[in-house]
Amino acid sequence: MASPEILLGFVIATMIFGFMPGPALVYTAAQTMAFGRQGGFKAALGLHAGGYVHVFAAALGLAVILELVPTLFIVIKLFGAAYLVWLGIAMIRAGATPADLPEIQKRSARRAFLNSMLVEILNPKTALFFLAFLPQFVDPAGALPAWAQLLILGTAVNLTFSSADIVAVFMTDQILNRMRQSSTLQKWMKWVGGSILVGLGINLAASRA
């Protein structure tokens, strides 16, 4: 695995991506409001299951690239670092308006799991995130093979994101009300979180190039 300093950056960035208010949290909250706590939990579980499709795809695909074309793997890592910087800048520049809600169709909580899993699987931004994010923390010379490192890191990311979704289910009303009532708090959180992501992306690009 990567060095302790790099892994610390992984933990910080994962927590930022997981717990900063964004489309995934708002989606889970919206499902909870529409279909109750049971619907919210099933939606969160569906997103979690769909996330593993991207984890396995990224792990297997990037491991093959690392073995066959090491230089291309470095290029992917640099593009990933640039993507982190872009996400941080976008977070800072974003307005205080809550993220747009995905369209909520009237359906029972029983179908929330499958529909949410399909939403996650077909989300190209999720695929792009895992392809850009995970390679930053892989050590090609580590004791574990690259695919195993990618699976471990991807699983950790997915579990973190799902824990944030579960929190959203429990605290939907409080979170949404707080964000609506305090645009200053939202802007401050985006500035702090965005600045950390920009710094992390620059540091990863410099240290892993």
C-alpha atoms as a PDB file:
ATOM      1  CA  MET A   1       0.000   0.000   0.000  1.00  0.00           C
ATOM      2  CA  ALA A   2       0.990   3.646  -0.214  1.00  0.00           C
ATOM      3  CA  SER A   3       2.879   5.518   2.500  1.00  0.00           C
ATOM      4  CA  PRO A   4       1.096   6.605   5.723  1.00  0.00           C
ATOM      5  CA  GLU A   5       1.090  10.221   4.520  1.00  0.00           C
ATOM      6  CA  ILE A   6      -0.626   9.285   1.259  1.00  0.00           C
ATOM      7  CA  LEU A   7      -3.122   7.057   3.085  1.00  0.00           C
ATOM      8  CA  LEU A   8      -3.933   9.923   5.440  1.00  0.00           C
ATOM      9  CA  GLY A   9      -4.725  12.011   2.383  1.00  0.00           C
ATOM     10  CA  PHE A  10      -6.913   9.154   1.165  1.00  0.00           C
ATOM     11  CA  VAL A  11      -8.896   9.133   4.410  1.00  0.00           C
ATOM     12  CA  ILE A  12      -9.349  12.923   4.403  1.00  0.00           C
ATOM     13  CA  ALA A  13     -10.402  13.073   0.760  1.00  0.00           C
ATOM     14  CA  THR A  14     -12.781  10.129   1.130  1.00  0.00           C
ATOM     15  CA  MET A  15     -14.481  11.736   4.126  1.00  0.00           C
ATOM     16  CA  ILE A  16     -14.830  15.013   2.202  1.00  0.00           C
ATOM     17  CA  PHE A  17     -16.344  13.334  -0.832  1.00  0.00           C
ATOM     18  CA  GLY A  18     -18.583  11.154   1.309  1.00  0.00           C
ATOM     19  CA  PHE A  19     -19.988  13.670   3.776  1.00  0.00           C
ATOM     20  CA  MET A  20     -20.051  16.948   1.855  1.00  0.00           C
ATOM     21  CA  PRO A  21     -23.652  17.675   0.806  1.00  0.00           C
ATOM     22  CA  GLY A  22     -24.010  16.654  -2.817  1.00  0.00           C
ATOM     23  CA  PRO A  23     -26.253  14.797  -5.268  1.00  0.00           C
ATOM     24  CA  ALA A  24     -25.839  11.357  -3.608  1.00  0.00           C
ATOM     25  CA  LEU A  25     -26.779  12.591  -0.142  1.00  0.00           C
ATOM     26  CA  VAL A  26     -29.602  14.710  -1.506  1.00  0.00           C
ATOM     27  CA  TYR A  27     -30.843  11.753  -3.556  1.00  0.00           C
ATOM     28  CA  THR A  28     -30.926   9.522  -0.474  1.00  0.00           C
ATOM     29  CA  ALA A  29     -32.651  12.252   1.519  1.00  0.00           C
ATOM     30  CA  ALA A  30     -35.214  12.717  -1.244  1.00  0.00           C
ATOM     31  CA  GLN A  31     -35.945   8.995  -1.323  1.00  0.00           C
ATOM     32  CA  THR A  32     -36.452   9.065   2.434  1.00  0.00           C
ATOM     33  CA  MET A  33     -38.877  11.971   2.189  1.00  0.00           C
ATOM     34  CA  ALA A  34     -40.783  10.293  -0.635  1.00  0.00           C
ATOM     35  CA  PHE A  35     -40.904   6.720   0.680  1.00  0.00           C
ATOM     36  CA  GLY A  36     -40.066   6.915   4.387  1.00  0.00           C
ATOM     37  CA  ARG A  37     -37.127   5.515   6.324  1.00  0.00           C
ATOM     38  CA  GLN A  38     -37.453   2.058   4.782  1.00  0.00           C
ATOM     39  CA  GLY A  39     -37.315   3.520   1.292  1.00  0.00           C
ATOM     40  CA  GLY A  40     -34.296   5.605   2.241  1.00  0.00           C
ATOM     41  CA  PHE A  41     -32.414   2.596   3.581  1.00  0.00           C
ATOM     42  CA  LYS A  42     -33.200   0.545   0.490  1.00  0.00           C
ATOM     43  CA  ALA A  43     -32.088   3.416  -1.747  1.00  0.00           C
ATOM     44  CA  ALA A  44     -28.802   3.699   0.188  1.00  0.00           C
ATOM     45  CA  LEU A  45     -28.289  -0.057  -0.100  1.00  0.00           C
ATOM     46  CA  GLY A  46     -28.965   0.101  -3.820  1.00  0.00           C
ATOM     47  CA  LEU A  47     -26.409   2.868  -4.287  1.00  0.00           C
ATOM     48  CA  HIS A  48     -23.911   0.844  -2.253  1.00  0.00           C
ATOM     49  CA  ALA A  49     -24.409  -2.293  -4.361  1.00  0.00           C
ATOM     50  CA  GLY A  50     -24.144  -0.302  -7.571  1.00  0.00           C
ATOM     51  CA  GLY A  51     -20.922   1.270  -6.362  1.00  0.00           C
ATOM     52  CA  TYR A  52     -19.195  -2.116  -6.277  1.00  0.00           C
ATOM     53  CA  VAL A  53     -19.712  -2.467 -10.015  1.00  0.00           C
ATOM     54  CA  HIS A  54     -17.509   0.597 -10.477  1.00  0.00           C
ATOM     55  CA  VAL A  55     -15.029  -0.597  -7.835  1.00  0.00           C
ATOM     56  CA  PHE A  56     -14.494  -3.955  -9.555  1.00  0.00           C
ATOM     57  CA  ALA A  57     -14.368  -2.373 -13.000  1.00  0.00           C
ATOM     58  CA  ALA A  58     -11.776   0.166 -11.891  1.00  0.00           C
ATOM     59  CA  ALA A  59      -9.701  -2.397  -9.988  1.00  0.00           C
ATOM     60  CA  LEU A  60      -9.527  -4.947 -12.779  1.00  0.00           C
ATOM     61  CA  GLY A  61      -9.087  -2.426 -15.571  1.00  0.00           C
ATOM     62  CA  LEU A  62      -6.429  -0.327 -13.850  1.00  0.00           C
ATOM     63  CA  ALA A  63      -4.522  -3.405 -12.680  1.00  0.00           C
ATOM     64  CA  VAL A  64      -4.248  -4.598 -16.286  1.00  0.00           C
ATOM     65  CA  ILE A  65      -3.073  -1.152 -17.406  1.00  0.00           C
ATOM     66  CA  LEU A  66      -0.438  -1.080 -14.658  1.00  0.00           C
ATOM     67  CA  GLU A  67       0.921  -4.452 -15.721  1.00  0.00           C
ATOM     68  CA  LEU A  68       0.874  -3.881 -19.480  1.00  0.00           C
ATOM     69  CA  VAL A  69       1.524  -0.140 -19.811  1.00  0.00           C
ATOM     70  CA  PRO A  70       3.068   1.347 -16.635  1.00  0.00           C
ATOM     71  CA  THR A  71       3.538   4.753 -18.282  1.00  0.00           C
ATOM     72  CA  LEU A  72      -0.168   4.987 -19.077  1.00  0.00           C
ATOM     73  CA  PHE A  73      -0.956   4.260 -15.439  1.00  0.00           C
ATOM     74  CA  ILE A  74       1.144   7.282 -14.445  1.00  0.00           C
ATOM     75  CA  VAL A  75      -0.736   9.408 -16.987  1.00  0.00           C
ATOM     76  CA  ILE A  76      -4.051   8.258 -15.469  1.00  0.00           C
ATOM     77  CA  LYS A  77      -2.813   9.209 -11.999  1.00  0.00           C
ATOM     78  CA  LEU A  78      -1.850  12.683 -13.189  1.00  0.00           C
ATOM     79  CA  PHE A  79      -5.217  13.156 -14.849  1.00  0.00           C
ATOM     80  CA  GLY A  80      -6.814  11.957 -11.634  1.00  0.00           C
ATOM     81  CA  ALA A  81      -4.885  14.514  -9.597  1.00  0.00           C
ATOM     82  CA  ALA A  82      -6.021  17.227 -11.999  1.00  0.00           C
ATOM     83  CA  TYR A  83      -9.585  15.979 -11.601  1.00  0.00           C
ATOM     84  CA  LEU A  84      -9.326  16.353  -7.816  1.00  0.00           C
ATOM     85  CA  VAL A  85      -8.146  19.939  -8.268  1.00  0.00           C
ATOM     86  CA  TRP A  86     -11.033  20.607 -10.650  1.00  0.00           C
ATOM     87  CA  LEU A  87     -13.529  19.153  -8.172  1.00  0.00           C
ATOM     88  CA  GLY A  88     -12.109  21.327  -5.403  1.00  0.00           C
ATOM     89  CA  ILE A  89     -12.326  24.502  -7.498  1.00  0.00           C
ATOM     90  CA  ALA A  90     -15.851  23.615  -8.598  1.00  0.00           C
ATOM     91  CA  MET A  91     -16.833  23.072  -4.973  1.00  0.00           C
ATOM     92  CA  ILE A  92     -15.473  26.492  -4.014  1.00  0.00           C
ATOM     93  CA  ARG A  93     -17.141  28.262  -6.936  1.00  0.00           C
ATOM     94  CA  ALA A  94     -20.499  26.536  -6.468  1.00  0.00           C
ATOM     95  CA  GLY A  95     -23.292  28.711  -5.181  1.00  0.00           C
ATOM     96  CA  ALA A  96     -25.113  28.184  -1.932  1.00  0.00           C
ATOM     97  CA  THR A  97     -28.169  26.720  -3.658  1.00  0.00           C
ATOM     98  CA  PRO A  98     -28.755  23.078  -2.654  1.00  0.00           C
ATOM     99  CA  ALA A  99     -27.817  20.504  -5.304  1.00  0.00           C
ATOM    100  CA  ASP A 100     -30.466  19.723  -7.883  1.00  0.00           C
ATOM    101  CA  LEU A 101     -32.614  16.777  -6.942  1.00  0.00           C
ATOM    102  CA  PRO A 102     -32.784  13.877  -9.360  1.00  0.00           C
ATOM    103  CA  GLU A 103     -36.246  13.238 -10.704  1.00  0.00           C
ATOM    104  CA  ILE A 104     -38.192  11.162  -8.202  1.00  0.00           C
ATOM    105  CA  GLN A 105     -40.675   8.779  -9.725  1.00  0.00           C
ATOM    106  CA  LYS A 106     -43.599   7.507  -7.685  1.00  0.00           C
ATOM    107  CA  ARG A 107     -42.707   3.977  -6.714  1.00  0.00           C
ATOM    108  CA  SER A 108     -42.865   1.760  -3.672  1.00  0.00           C
ATOM    109  CA  ALA A 109     -40.024   1.349  -1.191  1.00  0.00           C
ATOM    110  CA  ARG A 110     -39.783  -2.266  -2.358  1.00  0.00           C
ATOM    111  CA  ARG A 111     -38.442  -1.122  -5.735  1.00  0.00           C
ATOM    112  CA  ALA A 112     -36.157   1.585  -4.353  1.00  0.00           C
ATOM    113  CA  PHE A 113     -33.218  -0.824  -4.052  1.00  0.00           C
ATOM    114  CA  LEU A 114     -33.145  -1.992  -7.672  1.00  0.00           C
ATOM    115  CA  ASN A 115     -33.877   1.438  -9.103  1.00  0.00           C
ATOM    116  CA  SER A 116     -31.176   3.089  -6.989  1.00  0.00           C
ATOM    117  CA  MET A 117     -28.649   0.404  -7.893  1.00  0.00           C
ATOM    118  CA  LEU A 118     -29.383   0.986 -11.579  1.00  0.00           C
ATOM    119  CA  VAL A 119     -29.005   4.748 -11.128  1.00  0.00           C
ATOM    120  CA  GLU A 120     -25.567   4.219  -9.586  1.00  0.00           C
ATOM    121  CA  ILE A 121     -24.384   1.689 -12.171  1.00  0.00           C
ATOM    122  CA  LEU A 122     -25.370   3.958 -15.056  1.00  0.00           C
ATOM    123  CA  ASN A 123     -23.829   7.074 -13.498  1.00  0.00           C
ATOM    124  CA  PRO A 124     -20.732   7.990 -15.573  1.00  0.00           C
ATOM    125  CA  LYS A 125     -19.550  10.427 -12.893  1.00  0.00           C
ATOM    126  CA  THR A 126     -19.180   7.559 -10.433  1.00  0.00           C
ATOM    127  CA  ALA A 127     -17.070   5.601 -12.907  1.00  0.00           C
ATOM    128  CA  LEU A 128     -14.929   8.663 -13.585  1.00  0.00           C
ATOM    129  CA  PHE A 129     -14.473   9.281  -9.876  1.00  0.00           C
ATOM    130  CA  PHE A 130     -13.176   5.795  -9.109  1.00  0.00           C
ATOM    131  CA  LEU A 131     -10.899   5.788 -12.161  1.00  0.00           C
ATOM    132  CA  ALA A 132      -9.436   9.140 -11.166  1.00  0.00           C
ATOM    133  CA  PHE A 133      -9.344   8.768  -7.394  1.00  0.00           C
ATOM    134  CA  LEU A 134      -8.164   5.239  -6.601  1.00  0.00           C
ATOM    135  CA  PRO A 135      -4.891   5.207  -8.616  1.00  0.00           C
ATOM    136  CA  GLN A 136      -3.561   8.109  -6.533  1.00  0.00           C
ATOM    137  CA  PHE A 137      -3.107   5.790  -3.550  1.00  0.00           C
ATOM    138  CA  VAL A 138      -1.769   2.612  -5.170  1.00  0.00           C
ATOM    139  CA  ASP A 139       1.861   1.579  -4.638  1.00  0.00           C
ATOM    140  CA  PRO A 140       2.959  -0.537  -7.637  1.00  0.00           C
ATOM    141  CA  ALA A 141       5.882  -1.848  -5.553  1.00  0.00           C
ATOM    142  CA  GLY A 142       3.720  -2.687  -2.547  1.00  0.00           C
ATOM    143  CA  ALA A 143       3.353  -6.116  -0.951  1.00  0.00           C
ATOM    144  CA  LEU A 144      -0.166  -6.482  -2.315  1.00  0.00           C
ATOM    145  CA  PRO A 145      -0.829  -6.606  -6.071  1.00  0.00           C
ATOM    146  CA  ALA A 146      -2.339  -3.492  -7.605  1.00  0.00           C
ATOM    147  CA  TRP A 147      -5.760  -5.070  -8.119  1.00  0.00           C
ATOM    148  CA  ALA A 148      -5.960  -6.016  -4.427  1.00  0.00           C
ATOM    149  CA  GLN A 149      -4.989  -2.506  -3.341  1.00  0.00           C
ATOM    150  CA  LEU A 150      -7.608  -1.027  -5.663  1.00  0.00           C
ATOM    151  CA  LEU A 151     -10.293  -3.364  -4.321  1.00  0.00           C
ATOM    152  CA  ILE A 152      -9.444  -2.521  -0.703  1.00  0.00           C
ATOM    153  CA  LEU A 153      -9.383   1.213  -1.364  1.00  0.00           C
ATOM    154  CA  GLY A 154     -12.544   1.079  -3.462  1.00  0.00           C
ATOM    155  CA  THR A 155     -14.387  -0.894  -0.800  1.00  0.00           C
ATOM    156  CA  ALA A 156     -13.317   1.610   1.841  1.00  0.00           C
ATOM    157  CA  VAL A 157     -14.608   4.474  -0.317  1.00  0.00           C
ATOM    158  CA  ASN A 158     -17.910   2.728  -0.983  1.00  0.00           C
ATOM    159  CA  LEU A 159     -18.456   1.938   2.718  1.00  0.00           C
ATOM    160  CA  THR A 160     -17.698   5.539   3.649  1.00  0.00           C
ATOM    161  CA  PHE A 161     -20.135   6.878   1.078  1.00  0.00           C
ATOM    162  CA  SER A 162     -22.822   4.473   2.282  1.00  0.00           C
ATOM    163  CA  SER A 163     -22.310   5.460   5.916  1.00  0.00           C
ATOM    164  CA  ALA A 164     -22.942   9.057   4.845  1.00  0.00           C
ATOM    165  CA  ASP A 165     -26.102   7.949   3.045  1.00  0.00           C
ATOM    166  CA  ILE A 166     -27.347   6.227   6.199  1.00  0.00           C
ATOM    167  CA  VAL A 167     -26.713   9.389   8.194  1.00  0.00           C
ATOM    168  CA  ALA A 168     -28.752  11.256   5.584  1.00  0.00           C
ATOM    169  CA  VAL A 169     -31.632   8.842   6.067  1.00  0.00           C
ATOM    170  CA  PHE A 170     -31.668   9.459   9.821  1.00  0.00           C
ATOM    171  CA  MET A 171     -31.151  13.209   9.649  1.00  0.00           C
ATOM    172  CA  THR A 172     -32.896  14.240   6.426  1.00  0.00           C
ATOM    173  CA  ASP A 173     -35.057  16.999   7.803  1.00  0.00           C
ATOM    174  CA  GLN A 174     -32.343  18.463  10.047  1.00  0.00           C
ATOM    175  CA  ILE A 175     -29.675  18.492   7.333  1.00  0.00           C
ATOM    176  CA  LEU A 176     -31.860  19.966   4.613  1.00  0.00           C
ATOM    177  CA  ASN A 177     -33.362  22.598   6.905  1.00  0.00           C
ATOM    178  CA  ARG A 178     -29.947  23.649   8.167  1.00  0.00           C
ATOM    179  CA  MET A 179     -28.528  23.951   4.659  1.00  0.00           C
ATOM    180  CA  ARG A 180     -31.523  25.963   3.469  1.00  0.00           C
ATOM    181  CA  GLN A 181     -31.416  28.332   6.444  1.00  0.00           C
ATOM    182  CA  SER A 182     -27.678  28.993   6.443  1.00  0.00           C
ATOM    183  CA  SER A 183     -26.186  29.767   3.045  1.00  0.00           C
ATOM    184  CA  THR A 184     -23.109  31.128   4.857  1.00  0.00           C
ATOM    185  CA  LEU A 185     -22.462  27.749   6.485  1.00  0.00           C
ATOM    186  CA  GLN A 186     -22.792  25.991   3.140  1.00  0.00           C
ATOM    187  CA  LYS A 187     -20.392  28.393   1.407  1.00  0.00           C
ATOM    188  CA  TRP A 188     -17.866  28.026   4.257  1.00  0.00           C
ATOM    189  CA  MET A 189     -17.995  24.224   4.076  1.00  0.00           C
ATOM    190  CA  LYS A 190     -17.475  24.322   0.307  1.00  0.00           C
ATOM    191  CA  TRP A 191     -14.509  26.684   0.631  1.00  0.00           C
ATOM    192  CA  VAL A 192     -12.814  24.507   3.255  1.00  0.00           C
ATOM    193  CA  GLY A 193     -13.569  21.224   1.515  1.00  0.00           C
ATOM    194  CA  GLY A 194     -12.673  22.572  -1.928  1.00  0.00           C
ATOM    195  CA  SER A 195      -9.381  24.042  -0.728  1.00  0.00           C
ATOM    196  CA  ILE A 196      -8.381  20.721   0.831  1.00  0.00           C
ATOM    197  CA  LEU A 197      -9.162  18.867  -2.389  1.00  0.00           C
ATOM    198  CA  VAL A 198      -7.166  21.330  -4.473  1.00  0.00           C
ATOM    199  CA  GLY A 199      -4.200  21.014  -2.115  1.00  0.00           C
ATOM    200  CA  LEU A 200      -4.463  17.233  -2.101  1.00  0.00           C
ATOM    201  CA  GLY A 201      -4.586  17.069  -5.892  1.00  0.00           C
ATOM    202  CA  ILE A 202      -1.520  19.325  -6.272  1.00  0.00           C
ATOM    203  CA  ASN A 203       0.397  17.347  -3.648  1.00  0.00           C
ATOM    204  CA  LEU A 204      -0.442  14.012  -5.251  1.00  0.00           C
ATOM    205  CA  ALA A 205       0.557  15.244  -8.692  1.00  0.00           C
ATOM    206  CA  ALA A 206       3.888  16.503  -7.354  1.00  0.00           C
ATOM    207  CA  SER A 207       4.727  13.500  -5.192  1.00  0.00           C
ATOM    208  CA  ARG A 208       3.556  10.672  -7.448  1.00  0.00           C
ATOM    209  CA  ALA A 209       4.617  11.947 -10.864  1.00  0.00           C
END
